[in-house]
Structure formats: structure tokens, C-alpha cells
Amino acid sequence: MQSTSMRKITISLPENLVDFADRMARQGDTSRSRVISRALAEAQARAEQQLAEEGYRFYAGESIEFAQATARAVAESTMSVTAGEDGNDGEAW
């Protein structure tokens, strides 16, 4: 298991969030710091997931555009090979 280095910081939070973190810590039998750390880790994971989804959508769009732009050339190439116009005399590659 990899050890994570920890850094102590001082932050200011609204009182209601501190109270909430304390309740969560008591319920989870853990520390307030651990509750806040988990909340930030979950926020980071959501942000990374959102970024990945945006990237997938972007590249999916580019793939569709490329497929549409090259569909005719691929079809013509496939048709010429199927029709025996590949100069291969029907032999397998």
C-alpha cells in the first residue's frame, strides 16, 4: 500500500459545515479531517470524471466527422477489392 504524504493546513468554514463535518465524523467513527479529506477526494473524482466525459464526447465527435469524411473513399476501396481490381488475382494478402 502506497503511503500518502499529509500536510496540515488551516481553513475557515461556515459554522454549519463544521457542525456537519463533526456529525459525519462521529457517525463514521473518524476524524473531522478525514471527513473533509474524503469530501474533497470525491469532488476531485467527479471533476476528473467530468473532464474525461468531455474528452470522450469531443473525440467521439471527431471520429464521426472523420468517418463521414472518409466513408466514400473506404466504400470505393472496398468495392474495388471485392470486384478483383486490387491486382492481387484473388489471392489472400
PDB file of N, CA and C in Angstrom:
ATOM      1  N   MET A   1       0.831  -1.181   0.000  1.00  0.00           N
ATOM      2  CA  MET A   1       0.000   0.000   0.000  1.00  0.00           C
ATOM      3  C   MET A   1       0.879   1.249   0.000  1.00  0.00           C
ATOM      4  N   GLN A   2       0.552   2.176  -0.889  1.00  0.00           N
ATOM      5  CA  GLN A   2       1.343   3.392  -1.014  1.00  0.00           C
ATOM      6  C   GLN A   2       0.957   4.391   0.070  1.00  0.00           C
ATOM      7  N   SER A   3       1.944   4.994   0.673  1.00  0.00           N
ATOM      8  CA  SER A   3       1.711   5.985   1.713  1.00  0.00           C
ATOM      9  C   SER A   3       1.492   7.347   1.070  1.00  0.00           C
ATOM     10  N   THR A   4       0.490   8.067   1.552  1.00  0.00           N
ATOM     11  CA  THR A   4       0.209   9.409   1.067  1.00  0.00           C
ATOM     12  C   THR A   4       0.768  10.401   2.062  1.00  0.00           C
ATOM     13  N   SER A   5       1.541  11.357   1.558  1.00  0.00           N
ATOM     14  CA  SER A   5       2.061  12.353   2.481  1.00  0.00           C
ATOM     15  C   SER A   5       0.929  13.308   2.841  1.00  0.00           C
ATOM     16  N   MET A   6       0.924  13.727   4.066  1.00  0.00           N
ATOM     17  CA  MET A   6      -0.130  14.601   4.579  1.00  0.00           C
ATOM     18  C   MET A   6       0.471  15.964   4.884  1.00  0.00           C
ATOM     19  N   ARG A   7      -0.361  16.981   4.723  1.00  0.00           N
ATOM     20  CA  ARG A   7       0.044  18.347   5.050  1.00  0.00           C
ATOM     21  C   ARG A   7      -1.027  18.967   5.914  1.00  0.00           C
ATOM     22  N   LYS A   8      -0.632  19.576   6.978  1.00  0.00           N
ATOM     23  CA  LYS A   8      -1.570  20.243   7.875  1.00  0.00           C
ATOM     24  C   LYS A   8      -1.823  21.648   7.353  1.00  0.00           C
ATOM     25  N   ILE A   9      -3.108  22.009   7.283  1.00  0.00           N
ATOM     26  CA  ILE A   9      -3.485  23.344   6.827  1.00  0.00           C
ATOM     27  C   ILE A   9      -4.515  23.922   7.790  1.00  0.00           C
ATOM     28  N   THR A  10      -4.725  25.194   7.694  1.00  0.00           N
ATOM     29  CA  THR A  10      -5.768  25.866   8.466  1.00  0.00           C
ATOM     30  C   THR A  10      -6.761  26.438   7.477  1.00  0.00           C
ATOM     31  N   ILE A  11      -8.040  26.112   7.665  1.00  0.00           N
ATOM     32  CA  ILE A  11      -9.071  26.640   6.780  1.00  0.00           C
ATOM     33  C   ILE A  11     -10.192  27.246   7.618  1.00  0.00           C
ATOM     34  N   SER A  12     -10.941  28.125   6.993  1.00  0.00           N
ATOM     35  CA  SER A  12     -12.112  28.707   7.638  1.00  0.00           C
ATOM     36  C   SER A  12     -13.340  28.198   6.906  1.00  0.00           C
ATOM     37  N   LEU A  13     -14.303  27.715   7.681  1.00  0.00           N
ATOM     38  CA  LEU A  13     -15.544  27.188   7.114  1.00  0.00           C
ATOM     39  C   LEU A  13     -16.733  27.801   7.837  1.00  0.00           C
ATOM     40  N   PRO A  14     -17.855  27.865   7.152  1.00  0.00           N
ATOM     41  CA  PRO A  14     -19.070  28.299   7.852  1.00  0.00           C
ATOM     42  C   PRO A  14     -19.372  27.324   8.993  1.00  0.00           C
ATOM     43  N   GLU A  15     -19.911  27.851  10.073  1.00  0.00           N
ATOM     44  CA  GLU A  15     -20.166  27.047  11.259  1.00  0.00           C
ATOM     45  C   GLU A  15     -21.038  25.834  10.965  1.00  0.00           C
ATOM     46  N   ASN A  16     -22.050  26.003  10.107  1.00  0.00           N
ATOM     47  CA  ASN A  16     -22.929  24.870   9.815  1.00  0.00           C
ATOM     48  C   ASN A  16     -22.175  23.734   9.123  1.00  0.00           C
ATOM     49  N   LEU A  17     -21.147  24.043   8.312  1.00  0.00           N
ATOM     50  CA  LEU A  17     -20.359  22.986   7.674  1.00  0.00           C
ATOM     51  C   LEU A  17     -19.443  22.291   8.675  1.00  0.00           C
ATOM     52  N   VAL A  18     -18.929  23.049   9.626  1.00  0.00           N
ATOM     53  CA  VAL A  18     -18.107  22.441  10.674  1.00  0.00           C
ATOM     54  C   VAL A  18     -18.968  21.493  11.509  1.00  0.00           C
ATOM     55  N   ASP A  19     -20.172  21.940  11.850  1.00  0.00           N
ATOM     56  CA  ASP A  19     -21.087  21.081  12.609  1.00  0.00           C
ATOM     57  C   ASP A  19     -21.421  19.815  11.826  1.00  0.00           C
ATOM     58  N   PHE A  20     -21.662  19.990  10.544  1.00  0.00           N
ATOM     59  CA  PHE A  20     -21.969  18.832   9.696  1.00  0.00           C
ATOM     60  C   PHE A  20     -20.785  17.872   9.644  1.00  0.00           C
ATOM     61  N   ALA A  21     -19.582  18.402   9.449  1.00  0.00           N
ATOM     62  CA  ALA A  21     -18.383  17.559   9.404  1.00  0.00           C
ATOM     63  C   ALA A  21     -18.199  16.815  10.725  1.00  0.00           C
ATOM     64  N   ASP A  22     -18.487  17.488  11.828  1.00  0.00           N
ATOM     65  CA  ASP A  22     -18.372  16.836  13.137  1.00  0.00           C
ATOM     66  C   ASP A  22     -19.386  15.693  13.270  1.00  0.00           C
ATOM     67  N   ARG A  23     -20.620  15.929  12.817  1.00  0.00           N
ATOM     68  CA  ARG A  23     -21.641  14.863  12.878  1.00  0.00           C
ATOM     69  C   ARG A  23     -21.232  13.669  12.011  1.00  0.00           C
ATOM     70  N   MET A  24     -20.735  13.963  10.813  1.00  0.00           N
ATOM     71  CA  MET A  24     -20.300  12.886   9.919  1.00  0.00           C
ATOM     72  C   MET A  24     -19.131  12.113  10.529  1.00  0.00           C
ATOM     73  N   ALA A  25     -18.236  12.826  11.170  1.00  0.00           N
ATOM     74  CA  ALA A  25     -17.083  12.182  11.806  1.00  0.00           C
ATOM     75  C   ALA A  25     -17.539  11.253  12.924  1.00  0.00           C
ATOM     76  N   ARG A  26     -18.471  11.731  13.750  1.00  0.00           N
ATOM     77  CA  ARG A  26     -18.981  10.885  14.836  1.00  0.00           C
ATOM     78  C   ARG A  26     -19.686   9.652  14.284  1.00  0.00           C
ATOM     79  N   GLN A  27     -20.508   9.846  13.259  1.00  0.00           N
ATOM     80  CA  GLN A  27     -21.245   8.719  12.669  1.00  0.00           C
ATOM     81  C   GLN A  27     -20.300   7.702  12.035  1.00  0.00           C
ATOM     82  N   GLY A  28     -19.223   8.188  11.440  1.00  0.00           N
ATOM     83  CA  GLY A  28     -18.273   7.298  10.779  1.00  0.00           C
ATOM     84  C   GLY A  28     -17.116   6.881  11.650  1.00  0.00           C
ATOM     85  N   ASP A  29     -17.166   7.278  12.920  1.00  0.00           N
ATOM     86  CA  ASP A  29     -16.101   6.966  13.862  1.00  0.00           C
ATOM     87  C   ASP A  29     -14.728   7.315  13.275  1.00  0.00           C
ATOM     88  N   THR A  30     -14.622   8.548  12.805  1.00  0.00           N
ATOM     89  CA  THR A  30     -13.385   9.023  12.194  1.00  0.00           C
ATOM     90  C   THR A  30     -13.161  10.478  12.600  1.00  0.00           C
ATOM     91  N   SER A  31     -12.188  11.097  12.022  1.00  0.00           N
ATOM     92  CA  SER A  31     -11.869  12.487  12.376  1.00  0.00           C
ATOM     93  C   SER A  31     -12.547  13.467  11.409  1.00  0.00           C
ATOM     94  N   ARG A  32     -12.662  14.686  11.864  1.00  0.00           N
ATOM     95  CA  ARG A  32     -13.185  15.757  11.016  1.00  0.00           C
ATOM     96  C   ARG A  32     -12.289  15.918   9.784  1.00  0.00           C
ATOM     97  N   SER A  33     -10.990  15.846   9.984  1.00  0.00           N
ATOM     98  CA  SER A  33     -10.056  15.972   8.863  1.00  0.00           C
ATOM     99  C   SER A  33     -10.307  14.898   7.812  1.00  0.00           C
ATOM    100  N   ARG A  34     -10.555  13.681   8.277  1.00  0.00           N
ATOM    101  CA  ARG A  34     -10.802  12.570   7.348  1.00  0.00           C
ATOM    102  C   ARG A  34     -12.108  12.802   6.587  1.00  0.00           C
ATOM    103  N   VAL A  35     -13.126  13.319   7.245  1.00  0.00           N
ATOM    104  CA  VAL A  35     -14.397  13.612   6.579  1.00  0.00           C
ATOM    105  C   VAL A  35     -14.182  14.644   5.479  1.00  0.00           C
ATOM    106  N   ILE A  36     -13.480  15.710   5.800  1.00  0.00           N
ATOM    107  CA  ILE A  36     -13.232  16.766   4.815  1.00  0.00           C
ATOM    108  C   ILE A  36     -12.340  16.245   3.694  1.00  0.00           C
ATOM    109  N   SER A  37     -11.355  15.446   4.024  1.00  0.00           N
ATOM    110  CA  SER A  37     -10.468  14.861   3.020  1.00  0.00           C
ATOM    111  C   SER A  37     -11.256  13.981   2.045  1.00  0.00           C
ATOM    112  N   ARG A  38     -12.146  13.156   2.587  1.00  0.00           N
ATOM    113  CA  ARG A  38     -12.987  12.301   1.723  1.00  0.00           C
ATOM    114  C   ARG A  38     -13.882  13.138   0.820  1.00  0.00           C
ATOM    115  N   ALA A  39     -14.464  14.201   1.368  1.00  0.00           N
ATOM    116  CA  ALA A  39     -15.338  15.069   0.571  1.00  0.00           C
ATOM    117  C   ALA A  39     -14.560  15.697  -0.581  1.00  0.00           C
ATOM    118  N   LEU A  40     -13.352  16.155  -0.296  1.00  0.00           N
ATOM    119  CA  LEU A  40     -12.533  16.744  -1.359  1.00  0.00           C
ATOM    120  C   LEU A  40     -12.096  15.696  -2.379  1.00  0.00           C
ATOM    121  N   ALA A  41     -11.774  14.494  -1.921  1.00  0.00           N
ATOM    122  CA  ALA A  41     -11.386  13.420  -2.844  1.00  0.00           C
ATOM    123  C   ALA A  41     -12.550  13.060  -3.766  1.00  0.00           C
ATOM    124  N   GLU A  42     -13.767  13.035  -3.219  1.00  0.00           N
ATOM    125  CA  GLU A  42     -14.948  12.745  -4.038  1.00  0.00           C
ATOM    126  C   GLU A  42     -15.184  13.869  -5.056  1.00  0.00           C
ATOM    127  N   ALA A  43     -14.999  15.113  -4.643  1.00  0.00           N
ATOM    128  CA  ALA A  43     -15.151  16.250  -5.558  1.00  0.00           C
ATOM    129  C   ALA A  43     -14.103  16.167  -6.667  1.00  0.00           C
ATOM    130  N   GLN A  44     -12.888  15.793  -6.314  1.00  0.00           N
ATOM    131  CA  GLN A  44     -11.831  15.650  -7.312  1.00  0.00           C
ATOM    132  C   GLN A  44     -12.174  14.535  -8.304  1.00  0.00           C
ATOM    133  N   ALA A  45     -12.661  13.406  -7.807  1.00  0.00           N
ATOM    134  CA  ALA A  45     -13.031  12.294  -8.680  1.00  0.00           C
ATOM    135  C   ALA A  45     -14.154  12.696  -9.642  1.00  0.00           C
ATOM    136  N   ARG A  46     -15.135  13.451  -9.133  1.00  0.00           N
ATOM    137  CA  ARG A  46     -16.226  13.922 -10.002  1.00  0.00           C
ATOM    138  C   ARG A  46     -15.703  14.858 -11.078  1.00  0.00           C
ATOM    139  N   ALA A  47     -14.810  15.754 -10.714  1.00  0.00           N
ATOM    140  CA  ALA A  47     -14.237  16.698 -11.678  1.00  0.00           C
ATOM    141  C   ALA A  47     -13.438  15.955 -12.750  1.00  0.00           C
ATOM    142  N   GLU A  48     -12.660  14.967 -12.340  1.00  0.00           N
ATOM    143  CA  GLU A  48     -11.876  14.185 -13.299  1.00  0.00           C
ATOM    144  C   GLU A  48     -12.791  13.376 -14.213  1.00  0.00           C
ATOM    145  N   GLN A  49     -13.867  12.821 -13.647  1.00  0.00           N
ATOM    146  CA  GLN A  49     -14.837  12.067 -14.446  1.00  0.00           C
ATOM    147  C   GLN A  49     -15.494  12.978 -15.478  1.00  0.00           C
ATOM    148  N   GLN A  50     -15.858  14.173 -15.063  1.00  0.00           N
ATOM    149  CA  GLN A  50     -16.494  15.128 -15.975  1.00  0.00           C
ATOM    150  C   GLN A  50     -15.529  15.504 -17.096  1.00  0.00           C
ATOM    151  N   LEU A  51     -14.283  15.730 -16.763  1.00  0.00           N
ATOM    152  CA  LEU A  51     -13.280  16.065 -17.766  1.00  0.00           C
ATOM    153  C   LEU A  51     -13.097  14.916 -18.760  1.00  0.00           C
ATOM    154  N   ALA A  52     -13.058  13.693 -18.242  1.00  0.00           N
ATOM    155  CA  ALA A  52     -12.919  12.520 -19.122  1.00  0.00           C
ATOM    156  C   ALA A  52     -14.124  12.400 -20.044  1.00  0.00           C
ATOM    157  N   GLU A  53     -15.329  12.607 -19.515  1.00  0.00           N
ATOM    158  CA  GLU A  53     -16.533  12.526 -20.338  1.00  0.00           C
ATOM    159  C   GLU A  53     -16.516  13.583 -21.435  1.00  0.00           C
ATOM    160  N   GLU A  54     -16.073  14.787 -21.108  1.00  0.00           N
ATOM    161  CA  GLU A  54     -15.972  15.845 -22.117  1.00  0.00           C
ATOM    162  C   GLU A  54     -14.979  15.453 -23.202  1.00  0.00           C
ATOM    163  N   GLY A  55     -13.869  14.850 -22.807  1.00  0.00           N
ATOM    164  CA  GLY A  55     -12.870  14.393 -23.775  1.00  0.00           C
ATOM    165  C   GLY A  55     -13.420  13.302 -24.675  1.00  0.00           C
ATOM    166  N   TYR A  56     -14.146  12.344 -24.069  1.00  0.00           N
ATOM    167  CA  TYR A  56     -14.738  11.269 -24.865  1.00  0.00           C
ATOM    168  C   TYR A  56     -15.733  11.832 -25.874  1.00  0.00           C
ATOM    169  N   ARG A  57     -16.563  12.786 -25.431  1.00  0.00           N
ATOM    170  CA  ARG A  57     -17.536  13.388 -26.354  1.00  0.00           C
ATOM    171  C   ARG A  57     -16.824  14.116 -27.487  1.00  0.00           C
ATOM    172  N   PHE A  58     -15.760  14.842 -27.164  1.00  0.00           N
ATOM    173  CA  PHE A  58     -15.007  15.567 -28.178  1.00  0.00           C
ATOM    174  C   PHE A  58     -14.439  14.600 -29.211  1.00  0.00           C
ATOM    175  N   TYR A  59     -13.747  13.555 -28.746  1.00  0.00           N
ATOM    176  CA  TYR A  59     -13.119  12.627 -29.676  1.00  0.00           C
ATOM    177  C   TYR A  59     -14.145  11.778 -30.413  1.00  0.00           C
ATOM    178  N   ALA A  60     -15.277  11.503 -29.791  1.00  0.00           N
ATOM    179  CA  ALA A  60     -16.343  10.781 -30.492  1.00  0.00           C
ATOM    180  C   ALA A  60     -16.840  11.623 -31.652  1.00  0.00           C
ATOM    181  N   GLY A  61     -17.009  12.918 -31.417  1.00  0.00           N
ATOM    182  CA  GLY A  61     -17.444  13.823 -32.485  1.00  0.00           C
ATOM    183  C   GLY A  61     -16.428  13.867 -33.612  1.00  0.00           C
ATOM    184  N   GLU A  62     -15.156  13.926 -33.273  1.00  0.00           N
ATOM    185  CA  GLU A  62     -14.116  13.929 -34.299  1.00  0.00           C
ATOM    186  C   GLU A  62     -14.113  12.617 -35.073  1.00  0.00           C
ATOM    187  N   SER A  63     -14.330  11.502 -34.387  1.00  0.00           N
ATOM    188  CA  SER A  63     -14.360  10.205 -35.050  1.00  0.00           C
ATOM    189  C   SER A  63     -15.516  10.128 -36.036  1.00  0.00           C
ATOM    190  N   ILE A  64     -16.661  10.651 -35.642  1.00  0.00           N
ATOM    191  CA  ILE A  64     -17.824  10.656 -36.535  1.00  0.00           C
ATOM    192  C   ILE A  64     -17.529  11.509 -37.762  1.00  0.00           C
ATOM    193  N   GLU A  65     -16.955  12.681 -37.546  1.00  0.00           N
ATOM    194  CA  GLU A  65     -16.613  13.554 -38.668  1.00  0.00           C
ATOM    195  C   GLU A  65     -15.619  12.874 -39.609  1.00  0.00           C
ATOM    196  N   PHE A  66     -14.624  12.212 -39.061  1.00  0.00           N
ATOM    197  CA  PHE A  66     -13.639  11.519 -39.877  1.00  0.00           C
ATOM    198  C   PHE A  66     -14.295  10.387 -40.655  1.00  0.00           C
ATOM    199  N   ALA A  67     -15.153   9.619 -39.990  1.00  0.00           N
ATOM    200  CA  ALA A  67     -15.842   8.515 -40.662  1.00  0.00           C
ATOM    201  C   ALA A  67     -16.699   9.025 -41.808  1.00  0.00           C
ATOM    202  N   GLN A  68     -17.410  10.111 -41.574  1.00  0.00           N
ATOM    203  CA  GLN A  68     -18.243  10.674 -42.626  1.00  0.00           C
ATOM    204  C   GLN A  68     -17.392  11.198 -43.781  1.00  0.00           C
ATOM    205  N   ALA A  69     -16.279  11.823 -43.464  1.00  0.00           N
ATOM    206  CA  ALA A  69     -15.417  12.397 -44.493  1.00  0.00           C
ATOM    207  C   ALA A  69     -14.728  11.324 -45.327  1.00  0.00           C
ATOM    208  N   THR A  70     -14.474  10.166 -44.745  1.00  0.00           N
ATOM    209  CA  THR A  70     -13.740   9.120 -45.462  1.00  0.00           C
ATOM    210  C   THR A  70     -14.625   7.970 -45.928  1.00  0.00           C
ATOM    211  N   ALA A  71     -15.913   8.015 -45.643  1.00  0.00           N
ATOM    212  CA  ALA A  71     -16.809   6.906 -45.971  1.00  0.00           C
ATOM    213  C   ALA A  71     -16.782   6.572 -47.458  1.00  0.00           C
ATOM    214  N   ARG A  72     -16.824   7.570 -48.306  1.00  0.00           N
ATOM    215  CA  ARG A  72     -16.846   7.331 -49.747  1.00  0.00           C
ATOM    216  C   ARG A  72     -15.553   6.643 -50.195  1.00  0.00           C
ATOM    217  N   ALA A  73     -14.407   7.128 -49.746  1.00  0.00           N
ATOM    218  CA  ALA A  73     -13.133   6.533 -50.133  1.00  0.00           C
ATOM    219  C   ALA A  73     -13.031   5.090 -49.643  1.00  0.00           C
ATOM    220  N   VAL A  74     -13.490   4.835 -48.441  1.00  0.00           N
ATOM    221  CA  VAL A  74     -13.457   3.468 -47.898  1.00  0.00           C
ATOM    222  C   VAL A  74     -14.376   2.568 -48.714  1.00  0.00           C
ATOM    223  N   ALA A  75     -15.564   3.061 -49.037  1.00  0.00           N
ATOM    224  CA  ALA A  75     -16.510   2.271 -49.828  1.00  0.00           C
ATOM    225  C   ALA A  75     -15.933   1.961 -51.203  1.00  0.00           C
ATOM    226  N   GLU A  76     -15.331   2.953 -51.849  1.00  0.00           N
ATOM    227  CA  GLU A  76     -14.746   2.738 -53.174  1.00  0.00           C
ATOM    228  C   GLU A  76     -13.588   1.755 -53.104  1.00  0.00           C
ATOM    229  N   SER A  77     -12.777   1.864 -52.093  1.00  0.00           N
ATOM    230  CA  SER A  77     -11.654   0.957 -51.915  1.00  0.00           C
ATOM    231  C   SER A  77     -12.138  -0.467 -51.689  1.00  0.00           C
ATOM    232  N   THR A  78     -13.144  -0.608 -50.861  1.00  0.00           N
ATOM    233  CA  THR A  78     -13.702  -1.925 -50.561  1.00  0.00           C
ATOM    234  C   THR A  78     -14.332  -2.526 -51.802  1.00  0.00           C
ATOM    235  N   MET A  79     -15.038  -1.705 -52.566  1.00  0.00           N
ATOM    236  CA  MET A  79     -15.698  -2.195 -53.777  1.00  0.00           C
ATOM    237  C   MET A  79     -14.656  -2.665 -54.799  1.00  0.00           C
ATOM    238  N   SER A  80     -13.545  -1.935 -54.951  1.00  0.00           N
ATOM    239  CA  SER A  80     -12.543  -2.319 -55.943  1.00  0.00           C
ATOM    240  C   SER A  80     -11.847  -3.617 -55.531  1.00  0.00           C
ATOM    241  N   VAL A  81     -11.619  -3.825 -54.245  1.00  0.00           N
ATOM    242  CA  VAL A  81     -11.004  -5.060 -53.772  1.00  0.00           C
ATOM    243  C   VAL A  81     -11.971  -6.216 -53.970  1.00  0.00           C
ATOM    244  N   THR A  82     -13.243  -6.008 -53.653  1.00  0.00           N
ATOM    245  CA  THR A  82     -14.257  -7.052 -53.797  1.00  0.00           C
ATOM    246  C   THR A  82     -14.428  -7.431 -55.266  1.00  0.00           C
ATOM    247  N   ALA A  83     -14.321  -6.461 -56.147  1.00  0.00           N
ATOM    248  CA  ALA A  83     -14.509  -6.704 -57.575  1.00  0.00           C
ATOM    249  C   ALA A  83     -13.245  -7.269 -58.222  1.00  0.00           C
ATOM    250  N   GLY A  84     -12.199  -7.476 -57.486  1.00  0.00           N
ATOM    251  CA  GLY A  84     -10.971  -8.038 -58.027  1.00  0.00           C
ATOM    252  C   GLY A  84     -10.078  -7.025 -58.696  1.00  0.00           C
ATOM    253  N   GLU A  85     -10.265  -5.769 -58.421  1.00  0.00           N
ATOM    254  CA  GLU A  85      -9.465  -4.713 -59.036  1.00  0.00           C
ATOM    255  C   GLU A  85      -8.246  -4.351 -58.223  1.00  0.00           C
ATOM    256  N   ASP A  86      -7.857  -5.214 -57.327  1.00  0.00           N
ATOM    257  CA  ASP A  86      -6.734  -4.901 -56.457  1.00  0.00           C
ATOM    258  C   ASP A  86      -5.404  -5.383 -57.019  1.00  0.00           C
ATOM    259  N   GLY A  87      -5.444  -6.027 -58.174  1.00  0.00           N
ATOM    260  CA  GLY A  87      -4.212  -6.516 -58.770  1.00  0.00           C
ATOM    261  C   GLY A  87      -3.640  -7.706 -58.038  1.00  0.00           C
ATOM    262  N   ASN A  88      -4.440  -8.366 -57.242  1.00  0.00           N
ATOM    263  CA  ASN A  88      -3.978  -9.450 -56.402  1.00  0.00           C
ATOM    264  C   ASN A  88      -4.403 -10.811 -56.962  1.00  0.00           C
ATOM    265  N   ASP A  89      -5.139 -10.826 -58.057  1.00  0.00           N
ATOM    266  CA  ASP A  89      -5.615 -12.060 -58.692  1.00  0.00           C
ATOM    267  C   ASP A  89      -6.342 -12.989 -57.742  1.00  0.00           C
ATOM    268  N   GLY A  90      -7.058 -12.416 -56.777  1.00  0.00           N
ATOM    269  CA  GLY A  90      -7.865 -13.206 -55.864  1.00  0.00           C
ATOM    270  C   GLY A  90      -7.111 -13.889 -54.763  1.00  0.00           C
ATOM    271  N   GLU A  91      -5.791 -13.676 -54.686  1.00  0.00           N
ATOM    272  CA  GLU A  91      -5.008 -14.312 -53.631  1.00  0.00           C
ATOM    273  C   GLU A  91      -5.145 -13.544 -52.322  1.00  0.00           C
ATOM    274  N   ALA A  92      -5.064 -14.273 -51.234  1.00  0.00           N
ATOM    275  CA  ALA A  92      -5.109 -13.637 -49.927  1.00  0.00           C
ATOM    276  C   ALA A  92      -3.822 -12.862 -49.685  1.00  0.00           C
ATOM    277  N   TRP A  93      -3.884 -11.833 -48.951  1.00  0.00           N
ATOM    278  CA  TRP A  93      -2.712 -10.999 -48.671  1.00  0.00           C
ATOM    279  C   TRP A  93      -1.778 -11.747 -47.824  1.00  0.00           C
TER     280      TRP A  93
END
